């Protein structure tokens, strides 16, 4: 088997999990690199050596694909794809960054759950305030305002957690982009 076919087979195997059309586009780009190199009189083994390790290349391309999907459409699936891509790209760095990310995610989740609890408590106190029974005695207006304040405070806390999560995903995407730019000179143009 020649160097070209071995390189493309390893790249194809390493791109598993990406949408088929994306993997096919990437493979056709690298086939074009081989064709251009041959037209310039270079051998397949020289071209393959110049392109680098196909497994590492696939990891970088997977990260870039995940980042592009997140930028095109902000959804939970694309956010997870971007995070997984960045994890694969910067595995060593994330051994240092991972504990910080996990702590922030746990804190974010804890605050989100507290927000849900406040929403539920406020919502459960609202009917009691309306019928003038509850923990605040005979002042129904005070009971009503406390229950509405508790529910809206919980909703605000949940909204802040969602905004914090979006911000963290955006920072992680920028972190991945910075790593991609550092290795970009080793990728074919």
N, C-alpha and C. Protein backbone atom coordinates (compact mmCIF):
# COMPACT_ATOMS: atom_id res chain seq x y z
N UNK A 1 0.85 -1.17 0.00
CA UNK A 1 0.00 0.00 0.00
C UNK A 1 0.90 1.24 0.00
N UNK A 2 0.56 2.26 -0.79
CA UNK A 2 1.42 3.43 -0.89
C UNK A 2 1.15 4.43 0.24
N UNK A 3 2.03 5.41 0.37
CA UNK A 3 1.96 6.40 1.45
C UNK A 3 0.68 7.21 1.39
N UNK A 4 0.25 7.53 0.19
CA UNK A 4 -0.97 8.31 0.03
C UNK A 4 -2.16 7.56 0.60
N UNK A 5 -2.32 6.30 0.20
CA UNK A 5 -3.47 5.52 0.64
C UNK A 5 -3.42 5.28 2.15
N UNK A 6 -2.24 5.02 2.68
CA UNK A 6 -2.10 4.80 4.13
C UNK A 6 -2.49 6.07 4.90
N UNK A 7 -2.01 7.22 4.43
CA UNK A 7 -2.34 8.49 5.08
C UNK A 7 -3.85 8.73 5.06
N UNK A 8 -4.46 8.58 3.89
CA UNK A 8 -5.90 8.83 3.76
C UNK A 8 -6.73 7.83 4.57
N UNK A 9 -6.29 6.56 4.62
CA UNK A 9 -7.00 5.56 5.42
C UNK A 9 -6.93 5.88 6.91
N UNK A 10 -5.75 6.29 7.38
CA UNK A 10 -5.62 6.66 8.80
C UNK A 10 -6.45 7.91 9.11
N UNK A 11 -6.44 8.87 8.20
CA UNK A 11 -7.23 10.08 8.40
C UNK A 11 -8.72 9.74 8.43
N UNK A 12 -9.16 8.91 7.49
CA UNK A 12 -10.57 8.49 7.43
C UNK A 12 -10.98 7.79 8.72
N UNK A 13 -10.15 6.88 9.21
CA UNK A 13 -10.47 6.16 10.44
C UNK A 13 -10.52 7.10 11.64
N UNK A 14 -9.67 8.10 11.66
CA UNK A 14 -9.63 9.03 12.78
C UNK A 14 -10.76 10.06 12.74
N UNK A 15 -11.38 10.21 11.58
CA UNK A 15 -12.48 11.17 11.45
C UNK A 15 -13.84 10.54 11.75
N UNK A 16 -13.86 9.28 12.14
CA UNK A 16 -15.14 8.63 12.46
C UNK A 16 -15.85 9.41 13.55
N UNK A 17 -17.14 9.52 13.41
CA UNK A 17 -17.94 10.27 14.37
C UNK A 17 -18.36 11.63 13.82
N UNK A 18 -17.62 12.14 12.85
CA UNK A 18 -18.03 13.38 12.20
C UNK A 18 -19.12 13.06 11.19
N UNK A 19 -19.96 14.02 10.86
CA UNK A 19 -20.94 13.78 9.80
C UNK A 19 -20.23 13.35 8.52
N UNK A 20 -20.83 12.43 7.80
CA UNK A 20 -20.19 11.83 6.62
C UNK A 20 -19.77 12.88 5.60
N UNK A 21 -20.64 13.86 5.34
CA UNK A 21 -20.30 14.87 4.33
C UNK A 21 -19.10 15.73 4.77
N UNK A 22 -18.97 15.96 6.06
CA UNK A 22 -17.83 16.74 6.56
C UNK A 22 -16.55 15.94 6.38
N UNK A 23 -16.59 14.66 6.77
CA UNK A 23 -15.40 13.80 6.62
C UNK A 23 -15.03 13.65 5.15
N UNK A 24 -16.03 13.50 4.27
CA UNK A 24 -15.75 13.38 2.84
C UNK A 24 -15.11 14.65 2.28
N UNK A 25 -15.60 15.82 2.74
CA UNK A 25 -15.00 17.08 2.29
C UNK A 25 -13.54 17.19 2.72
N UNK A 26 -13.28 16.80 3.96
CA UNK A 26 -11.90 16.86 4.48
C UNK A 26 -11.00 15.91 3.68
N UNK A 27 -11.48 14.70 3.46
CA UNK A 27 -10.68 13.73 2.71
C UNK A 27 -10.42 14.19 1.27
N UNK A 28 -11.43 14.79 0.65
CA UNK A 28 -11.22 15.26 -0.72
C UNK A 28 -10.22 16.41 -0.75
N UNK A 29 -10.19 17.25 0.31
CA UNK A 29 -9.18 18.31 0.38
C UNK A 29 -7.77 17.73 0.44
N UNK A 30 -7.61 16.68 1.23
CA UNK A 30 -6.28 16.09 1.37
C UNK A 30 -5.88 15.28 0.14
N UNK A 31 -6.86 14.71 -0.55
CA UNK A 31 -6.55 14.07 -1.83
C UNK A 31 -6.07 15.12 -2.83
N UNK A 32 -6.68 16.31 -2.78
CA UNK A 32 -6.25 17.40 -3.66
C UNK A 32 -4.82 17.84 -3.31
N UNK A 33 -4.48 17.81 -2.03
CA UNK A 33 -3.10 18.16 -1.64
C UNK A 33 -2.10 17.16 -2.25
N UNK A 34 -2.48 15.90 -2.24
CA UNK A 34 -1.61 14.89 -2.84
C UNK A 34 -1.50 15.11 -4.34
N UNK A 35 -2.62 15.41 -5.01
CA UNK A 35 -2.60 15.65 -6.45
C UNK A 35 -1.73 16.86 -6.80
N UNK A 36 -1.87 17.94 -6.01
CA UNK A 36 -1.06 19.14 -6.26
C UNK A 36 0.42 18.85 -6.05
N UNK A 37 0.72 18.09 -5.00
CA UNK A 37 2.12 17.74 -4.72
C UNK A 37 2.72 16.90 -5.82
N UNK A 38 1.95 15.95 -6.35
CA UNK A 38 2.44 15.12 -7.45
C UNK A 38 2.65 15.96 -8.71
N UNK A 39 1.77 16.93 -8.93
CA UNK A 39 1.92 17.81 -10.09
C UNK A 39 3.20 18.64 -9.99
N UNK A 40 3.67 18.89 -8.77
CA UNK A 40 4.90 19.64 -8.56
C UNK A 40 6.12 18.72 -8.53
N UNK A 41 5.89 17.41 -8.74
CA UNK A 41 7.00 16.46 -8.81
C UNK A 41 7.40 15.85 -7.47
N UNK A 42 6.58 16.02 -6.45
CA UNK A 42 6.90 15.44 -5.14
C UNK A 42 6.34 14.03 -5.06
N UNK A 43 6.97 13.19 -4.25
CA UNK A 43 6.47 11.82 -4.07
C UNK A 43 5.39 11.80 -2.98
N UNK A 44 4.58 10.73 -3.01
CA UNK A 44 3.52 10.58 -2.01
C UNK A 44 4.07 10.56 -0.59
N UNK A 45 5.20 9.91 -0.40
CA UNK A 45 5.77 9.84 0.95
C UNK A 45 6.23 11.21 1.44
N UNK A 46 6.78 12.05 0.54
CA UNK A 46 7.17 13.41 0.91
C UNK A 46 5.94 14.24 1.27
N UNK A 47 4.89 14.09 0.51
CA UNK A 47 3.67 14.86 0.77
C UNK A 47 3.07 14.43 2.10
N UNK A 48 3.00 13.11 2.34
CA UNK A 48 2.45 12.60 3.59
C UNK A 48 3.28 13.08 4.78
N UNK A 49 4.58 13.08 4.63
CA UNK A 49 5.45 13.56 5.72
C UNK A 49 5.23 15.05 5.98
N UNK A 50 5.01 15.80 4.92
CA UNK A 50 4.77 17.23 5.05
C UNK A 50 3.43 17.55 5.72
N UNK A 51 2.45 16.67 5.50
CA UNK A 51 1.14 16.88 6.12
C UNK A 51 1.14 16.52 7.60
N UNK A 52 2.03 15.66 8.02
CA UNK A 52 2.11 15.30 9.44
C UNK A 52 1.35 14.03 9.76
N UNK A 53 1.18 13.82 11.04
CA UNK A 53 0.50 12.63 11.55
C UNK A 53 -1.00 12.75 11.29
N UNK A 54 -1.60 11.81 10.56
CA UNK A 54 -3.02 11.92 10.23
C UNK A 54 -3.92 11.82 11.46
N UNK A 55 -3.50 11.11 12.50
CA UNK A 55 -4.31 11.00 13.72
C UNK A 55 -4.37 12.35 14.43
N UNK A 56 -3.21 12.99 14.57
CA UNK A 56 -3.17 14.32 15.20
C UNK A 56 -3.93 15.33 14.34
N UNK A 57 -3.77 15.24 13.05
CA UNK A 57 -4.46 16.12 12.13
C UNK A 57 -5.97 15.96 12.26
N UNK A 58 -6.44 14.72 12.36
CA UNK A 58 -7.87 14.47 12.50
C UNK A 58 -8.40 15.05 13.81
N UNK A 59 -7.62 14.95 14.87
CA UNK A 59 -8.04 15.51 16.16
C UNK A 59 -8.20 17.03 16.05
N UNK A 60 -7.27 17.68 15.37
CA UNK A 60 -7.34 19.12 15.17
C UNK A 60 -8.55 19.49 14.31
N UNK A 61 -8.77 18.71 13.26
CA UNK A 61 -9.90 18.99 12.36
C UNK A 61 -11.24 18.76 13.07
N UNK A 62 -11.31 17.75 13.94
CA UNK A 62 -12.53 17.49 14.71
C UNK A 62 -12.82 18.68 15.63
N UNK A 63 -11.78 19.20 16.27
CA UNK A 63 -11.95 20.34 17.16
C UNK A 63 -12.45 21.55 16.37
N UNK A 64 -11.83 21.80 15.23
CA UNK A 64 -12.24 22.94 14.40
C UNK A 64 -13.68 22.78 13.92
N UNK A 65 -14.08 21.58 13.55
CA UNK A 65 -15.45 21.33 13.11
C UNK A 65 -16.43 21.60 14.24
N UNK A 66 -16.11 21.14 15.44
CA UNK A 66 -16.98 21.39 16.60
C UNK A 66 -17.10 22.87 16.91
N UNK A 67 -15.99 23.60 16.80
CA UNK A 67 -16.01 25.04 17.05
C UNK A 67 -16.86 25.77 16.01
N UNK A 68 -16.74 25.37 14.75
CA UNK A 68 -17.54 26.01 13.69
C UNK A 68 -19.03 25.76 13.90
N UNK A 69 -19.38 24.53 14.27
CA UNK A 69 -20.79 24.22 14.50
C UNK A 69 -21.34 25.06 15.65
N UNK A 70 -20.55 25.24 16.73
CA UNK A 70 -21.01 26.04 17.85
C UNK A 70 -21.20 27.50 17.42
N UNK A 71 -20.29 28.03 16.60
CA UNK A 71 -20.42 29.40 16.16
C UNK A 71 -21.60 29.59 15.20
N UNK A 72 -21.88 28.58 14.38
CA UNK A 72 -22.98 28.68 13.43
C UNK A 72 -24.33 28.57 14.11
N UNK A 73 -24.45 27.65 15.04
CA UNK A 73 -25.73 27.43 15.72
C UNK A 73 -25.46 27.10 17.18
N UNK A 74 -25.90 27.97 18.05
CA UNK A 74 -25.65 27.79 19.49
C UNK A 74 -26.73 26.88 20.06
N UNK A 75 -26.36 25.62 20.24
CA UNK A 75 -27.27 24.64 20.84
C UNK A 75 -26.47 23.78 21.80
N UNK A 76 -27.18 23.03 22.64
CA UNK A 76 -26.51 22.19 23.61
C UNK A 76 -25.64 21.13 22.93
N UNK A 77 -26.16 20.53 21.87
CA UNK A 77 -25.39 19.51 21.14
C UNK A 77 -24.11 20.10 20.57
N UNK A 78 -24.21 21.27 19.96
CA UNK A 78 -23.02 21.89 19.38
C UNK A 78 -22.05 22.36 20.46
N UNK A 79 -22.59 22.80 21.59
CA UNK A 79 -21.71 23.19 22.70
C UNK A 79 -20.93 21.98 23.19
N UNK A 80 -21.61 20.86 23.35
CA UNK A 80 -20.93 19.64 23.78
C UNK A 80 -19.90 19.19 22.74
N UNK A 81 -20.26 19.32 21.45
CA UNK A 81 -19.31 18.96 20.39
C UNK A 81 -18.07 19.84 20.43
N UNK A 82 -18.26 21.13 20.67
CA UNK A 82 -17.11 22.05 20.76
C UNK A 82 -16.25 21.70 21.97
N UNK A 83 -16.90 21.40 23.09
CA UNK A 83 -16.15 21.05 24.30
C UNK A 83 -15.37 19.77 24.09
N UNK A 84 -16.00 18.76 23.51
CA UNK A 84 -15.31 17.49 23.26
C UNK A 84 -14.15 17.69 22.29
N UNK A 85 -14.36 18.50 21.26
CA UNK A 85 -13.29 18.79 20.30
C UNK A 85 -12.11 19.48 20.95
N UNK A 86 -12.39 20.45 21.82
CA UNK A 86 -11.32 21.15 22.50
C UNK A 86 -10.61 20.22 23.48
N UNK A 87 -11.38 19.35 24.16
CA UNK A 87 -10.75 18.37 25.05
C UNK A 87 -9.78 17.49 24.27
N UNK A 88 -10.19 17.04 23.10
CA UNK A 88 -9.31 16.19 22.30
C UNK A 88 -8.09 16.93 21.80
N UNK A 89 -8.27 18.20 21.47
CA UNK A 89 -7.17 18.99 20.93
C UNK A 89 -6.13 19.34 21.98
N UNK A 90 -6.57 19.69 23.16
CA UNK A 90 -5.65 20.20 24.17
C UNK A 90 -5.67 19.32 25.42
N UNK A 91 -5.52 18.03 25.23
CA UNK A 91 -5.63 17.08 26.33
C UNK A 91 -4.65 17.37 27.46
N UNK A 92 -3.43 17.66 27.15
CA UNK A 92 -2.44 17.92 28.20
C UNK A 92 -2.76 19.19 28.96
N UNK A 93 -3.12 20.24 28.24
CA UNK A 93 -3.46 21.50 28.92
C UNK A 93 -4.69 21.32 29.80
N UNK A 94 -5.62 20.52 29.36
CA UNK A 94 -6.85 20.34 30.12
C UNK A 94 -6.65 19.52 31.39
N UNK A 95 -5.52 18.84 31.49
CA UNK A 95 -5.23 18.18 32.76
C UNK A 95 -5.05 19.24 33.84
N UNK A 96 -4.62 20.40 33.44
CA UNK A 96 -4.49 21.52 34.37
C UNK A 96 -5.80 22.30 34.44
N UNK A 97 -6.44 22.51 33.30
CA UNK A 97 -7.65 23.33 33.23
C UNK A 97 -8.89 22.54 33.67
N UNK A 98 -8.89 21.24 33.48
CA UNK A 98 -10.06 20.42 33.77
C UNK A 98 -10.58 20.57 35.20
N UNK A 99 -9.74 20.52 36.23
CA UNK A 99 -10.28 20.70 37.58
C UNK A 99 -10.99 22.04 37.77
N UNK A 100 -10.45 23.09 37.16
CA UNK A 100 -11.10 24.40 37.26
C UNK A 100 -12.45 24.38 36.55
N UNK A 101 -12.48 23.78 35.34
CA UNK A 101 -13.74 23.69 34.60
C UNK A 101 -14.79 22.88 35.36
N UNK A 102 -14.37 21.77 35.94
CA UNK A 102 -15.30 20.94 36.71
C UNK A 102 -15.83 21.68 37.94
N UNK A 103 -14.97 22.42 38.63
CA UNK A 103 -15.41 23.18 39.79
C UNK A 103 -16.41 24.26 39.39
N UNK A 104 -16.13 24.97 38.29
CA UNK A 104 -17.06 26.00 37.81
C UNK A 104 -18.38 25.39 37.36
N UNK A 105 -18.32 24.25 36.70
CA UNK A 105 -19.55 23.58 36.26
C UNK A 105 -20.36 23.11 37.46
N UNK A 106 -19.70 22.57 38.48
CA UNK A 106 -20.42 22.12 39.68
C UNK A 106 -21.06 23.30 40.40
N UNK A 107 -20.33 24.39 40.50
CA UNK A 107 -20.87 25.60 41.13
C UNK A 107 -22.05 26.15 40.35
N UNK A 108 -21.93 26.18 39.05
CA UNK A 108 -23.01 26.65 38.18
C UNK A 108 -24.25 25.76 38.35
N UNK A 109 -24.05 24.46 38.35
CA UNK A 109 -25.17 23.53 38.54
C UNK A 109 -25.81 23.71 39.91
N UNK A 110 -25.00 23.89 40.95
CA UNK A 110 -25.54 24.07 42.30
C UNK A 110 -26.40 25.34 42.36
N UNK A 111 -25.91 26.44 41.80
CA UNK A 111 -26.70 27.66 41.80
C UNK A 111 -27.98 27.50 40.97
N UNK A 112 -27.90 26.78 39.87
CA UNK A 112 -29.08 26.54 39.05
C UNK A 112 -30.13 25.75 39.84
N UNK A 113 -29.69 24.73 40.57
CA UNK A 113 -30.62 23.94 41.38
C UNK A 113 -31.21 24.77 42.52
N UNK A 114 -30.42 25.65 43.11
CA UNK A 114 -30.95 26.56 44.14
C UNK A 114 -32.01 27.48 43.51
N UNK A 115 -31.75 27.96 42.31
CA UNK A 115 -32.74 28.79 41.60
C UNK A 115 -34.03 28.04 41.37
N UNK A 116 -33.94 26.78 40.99
CA UNK A 116 -35.16 25.96 40.80
C UNK A 116 -35.90 25.83 42.13
N UNK A 117 -35.15 25.57 43.20
CA UNK A 117 -35.78 25.43 44.52
C UNK A 117 -36.49 26.72 44.92
N UNK A 118 -35.86 27.87 44.71
CA UNK A 118 -36.51 29.14 45.05
C UNK A 118 -37.76 29.36 44.21
N UNK A 119 -37.71 29.02 42.93
CA UNK A 119 -38.90 29.15 42.07
C UNK A 119 -40.03 28.28 42.60
N UNK A 120 -39.70 27.05 42.95
CA UNK A 120 -40.73 26.14 43.45
C UNK A 120 -41.31 26.63 44.77
N UNK A 121 -40.47 27.05 45.71
CA UNK A 121 -40.96 27.53 47.00
C UNK A 121 -41.84 28.76 46.81
N UNK A 122 -41.38 29.70 46.00
CA UNK A 122 -42.19 30.89 45.74
C UNK A 122 -43.52 30.55 45.07
N UNK A 123 -43.49 29.60 44.15
CA UNK A 123 -44.72 29.20 43.46
C UNK A 123 -45.67 28.47 44.40
N UNK A 124 -45.13 27.69 45.32
CA UNK A 124 -45.98 26.97 46.28
C UNK A 124 -46.55 27.91 47.34
N UNK A 125 -45.82 28.96 47.69
CA UNK A 125 -46.32 29.93 48.67
C UNK A 125 -47.35 30.88 48.08
N UNK A 126 -47.35 31.07 46.78
CA UNK A 126 -48.27 32.01 46.14
C UNK A 126 -49.74 31.68 46.40
N UNK A 127 -50.20 30.45 46.19
CA UNK A 127 -51.62 30.16 46.48
C UNK A 127 -51.95 30.35 47.97
N UNK A 128 -50.99 30.04 48.85
CA UNK A 128 -51.23 30.23 50.28
C UNK A 128 -51.36 31.71 50.62
N UNK A 129 -50.58 32.54 49.95
CA UNK A 129 -50.66 33.98 50.19
C UNK A 129 -51.99 34.54 49.69
N UNK A 130 -52.47 34.00 48.60
CA UNK A 130 -53.72 34.51 48.01
C UNK A 130 -54.90 34.20 48.93
N UNK A 131 -54.91 33.01 49.51
CA UNK A 131 -56.03 32.63 50.40
C UNK A 131 -55.75 33.05 51.84
N UNK A 132 -54.65 33.80 52.05
CA UNK A 132 -54.31 34.40 53.33
C UNK A 132 -54.02 33.38 54.43
N UNK A 133 -53.38 32.27 54.07
CA UNK A 133 -52.84 31.37 55.08
C UNK A 133 -51.39 31.12 54.73
N UNK A 134 -50.56 31.01 55.69
CA UNK A 134 -49.17 30.76 55.41
C UNK A 134 -48.28 31.20 56.54
N UNK A 135 -47.02 31.22 56.28
CA UNK A 135 -46.04 31.46 57.35
C UNK A 135 -45.97 32.92 57.81
N UNK A 136 -46.66 33.85 57.13
CA UNK A 136 -46.51 35.27 57.45
C UNK A 136 -47.70 35.83 58.21
N UNK A 137 -48.55 35.00 58.71
CA UNK A 137 -49.67 35.48 59.52
C UNK A 137 -50.77 36.09 58.69
N UNK A 138 -51.33 37.18 59.21
CA UNK A 138 -52.52 37.75 58.60
C UNK A 138 -52.26 38.76 57.51
N UNK A 139 -51.03 39.17 57.26
CA UNK A 139 -50.77 40.18 56.24
C UNK A 139 -50.64 39.50 54.88
N UNK A 140 -51.72 39.48 54.10
CA UNK A 140 -51.73 38.76 52.83
C UNK A 140 -50.85 39.44 51.78
N UNK A 141 -50.75 40.78 51.82
CA UNK A 141 -49.94 41.50 50.86
C UNK A 141 -48.45 41.16 51.05
N UNK A 142 -48.04 41.10 52.33
CA UNK A 142 -46.66 40.73 52.60
C UNK A 142 -46.39 39.31 52.11
N UNK A 143 -47.30 38.38 52.36
CA UNK A 143 -47.14 37.00 51.91
C UNK A 143 -47.07 36.92 50.39
N UNK A 144 -47.92 37.69 49.73
CA UNK A 144 -47.94 37.70 48.27
C UNK A 144 -46.62 38.23 47.71
N UNK A 145 -46.13 39.33 48.26
CA UNK A 145 -44.89 39.92 47.77
C UNK A 145 -43.69 39.02 48.04
N UNK A 146 -43.65 38.37 49.20
CA UNK A 146 -42.54 37.47 49.51
C UNK A 146 -42.55 36.28 48.57
N UNK A 147 -43.71 35.70 48.31
CA UNK A 147 -43.78 34.54 47.41
C UNK A 147 -43.41 34.93 45.98
N UNK A 148 -43.89 36.08 45.51
CA UNK A 148 -43.52 36.53 44.16
C UNK A 148 -42.03 36.87 44.09
N UNK A 149 -41.49 37.50 45.12
CA UNK A 149 -40.08 37.83 45.15
C UNK A 149 -39.21 36.58 45.16
N UNK A 150 -39.63 35.58 45.93
CA UNK A 150 -38.86 34.33 45.99
C UNK A 150 -38.86 33.64 44.63
N UNK A 151 -40.01 33.56 43.98
CA UNK A 151 -40.10 32.91 42.67
C UNK A 151 -39.31 33.67 41.62
N UNK A 152 -39.43 35.00 41.61
CA UNK A 152 -38.69 35.77 40.60
C UNK A 152 -37.19 35.77 40.89
N UNK A 153 -36.79 35.75 42.15
CA UNK A 153 -35.37 35.64 42.49
C UNK A 153 -34.79 34.33 42.00
N UNK A 154 -35.55 33.24 42.16
CA UNK A 154 -35.11 31.94 41.66
C UNK A 154 -34.98 31.93 40.15
N UNK A 155 -35.95 32.54 39.46
CA UNK A 155 -35.89 32.61 38.00
C UNK A 155 -34.68 33.45 37.55
N UNK A 156 -34.40 34.53 38.27
CA UNK A 156 -33.24 35.36 37.94
C UNK A 156 -31.94 34.59 38.14
N UNK A 157 -31.87 33.83 39.22
CA UNK A 157 -30.67 33.04 39.48
C UNK A 157 -30.46 31.99 38.39
N UNK A 158 -31.54 31.35 37.94
CA UNK A 158 -31.43 30.37 36.85
C UNK A 158 -30.98 31.05 35.56
N UNK A 159 -31.52 32.23 35.28
CA UNK A 159 -31.11 32.95 34.06
C UNK A 159 -29.63 33.33 34.12
N UNK A 160 -29.17 33.74 35.28
CA UNK A 160 -27.74 34.07 35.42
C UNK A 160 -26.87 32.83 35.21
N UNK A 161 -27.34 31.69 35.68
CA UNK A 161 -26.58 30.45 35.48
C UNK A 161 -26.50 30.08 34.00
N UNK A 162 -27.59 30.29 33.27
CA UNK A 162 -27.59 30.01 31.84
C UNK A 162 -26.61 30.95 31.13
N UNK A 163 -26.64 32.22 31.48
CA UNK A 163 -25.70 33.18 30.88
C UNK A 163 -24.25 32.83 31.23
N UNK A 164 -24.01 32.42 32.46
CA UNK A 164 -22.67 32.01 32.87
C UNK A 164 -22.21 30.80 32.06
N UNK A 165 -23.11 29.84 31.85
CA UNK A 165 -22.77 28.64 31.06
C UNK A 165 -22.41 29.02 29.64
N UNK A 166 -23.19 29.89 29.02
CA UNK A 166 -22.90 30.33 27.66
C UNK A 166 -21.55 31.04 27.61
N UNK A 167 -21.28 31.88 28.61
CA UNK A 167 -19.99 32.57 28.67
C UNK A 167 -18.83 31.60 28.80
N UNK A 168 -18.99 30.56 29.63
CA UNK A 168 -17.92 29.58 29.81
C UNK A 168 -17.68 28.79 28.52
N UNK A 169 -18.74 28.44 27.81
CA UNK A 169 -18.57 27.73 26.54
C UNK A 169 -17.85 28.63 25.54
N UNK A 170 -18.21 29.91 25.52
CA UNK A 170 -17.53 30.84 24.61
C UNK A 170 -16.05 30.98 24.96
N UNK A 171 -15.72 31.04 26.25
CA UNK A 171 -14.32 31.09 26.66
C UNK A 171 -13.58 29.83 26.26
N UNK A 172 -14.24 28.69 26.39
CA UNK A 172 -13.62 27.43 26.02
C UNK A 172 -13.39 27.37 24.51
N UNK A 173 -14.32 27.93 23.74
CA UNK A 173 -14.15 27.99 22.29
C UNK A 173 -12.96 28.87 21.94
N UNK A 174 -12.83 30.02 22.61
CA UNK A 174 -11.68 30.90 22.36
C UNK A 174 -10.38 30.21 22.74
N UNK A 175 -10.41 29.46 23.83
CA UNK A 175 -9.24 28.71 24.26
C UNK A 175 -8.84 27.71 23.17
N UNK A 176 -9.83 27.01 22.62
CA UNK A 176 -9.56 26.06 21.54
C UNK A 176 -9.03 26.76 20.30
N UNK A 177 -9.60 27.92 19.98
CA UNK A 177 -9.12 28.68 18.82
C UNK A 177 -7.66 29.09 18.99
N UNK A 178 -7.29 29.49 20.22
CA UNK A 178 -5.91 29.89 20.47
C UNK A 178 -4.97 28.70 20.24
N UNK A 179 -5.38 27.52 20.68
CA UNK A 179 -4.55 26.34 20.45
C UNK A 179 -4.49 25.99 18.96
N UNK A 180 -5.60 26.16 18.28
CA UNK A 180 -5.64 25.86 16.86
C UNK A 180 -4.71 26.80 16.10
N UNK A 181 -4.71 28.08 16.48
CA UNK A 181 -3.83 29.03 15.80
C UNK A 181 -2.36 28.71 16.02
N UNK A 182 -2.05 28.14 17.20
CA UNK A 182 -0.67 27.80 17.46
C UNK A 182 -0.17 26.66 16.58
N UNK A 183 -1.09 25.73 16.24
CA UNK A 183 -0.68 24.59 15.43
C UNK A 183 -1.03 24.77 13.96
N UNK A 184 -1.73 25.83 13.61
CA UNK A 184 -2.17 26.05 12.24
C UNK A 184 -1.04 26.06 11.22
N UNK A 185 0.15 26.59 11.53
CA UNK A 185 1.21 26.57 10.51
C UNK A 185 1.59 25.15 10.07
N UNK A 186 1.33 24.16 10.91
CA UNK A 186 1.68 22.79 10.50
C UNK A 186 0.61 22.18 9.62
N UNK A 187 -0.54 22.83 9.47
CA UNK A 187 -1.62 22.33 8.63
C UNK A 187 -1.45 22.84 7.21
N UNK A 188 -1.93 22.07 6.24
CA UNK A 188 -1.84 22.56 4.86
C UNK A 188 -2.79 23.72 4.63
N UNK A 189 -2.41 24.60 3.75
CA UNK A 189 -3.25 25.78 3.46
C UNK A 189 -4.38 25.45 2.54
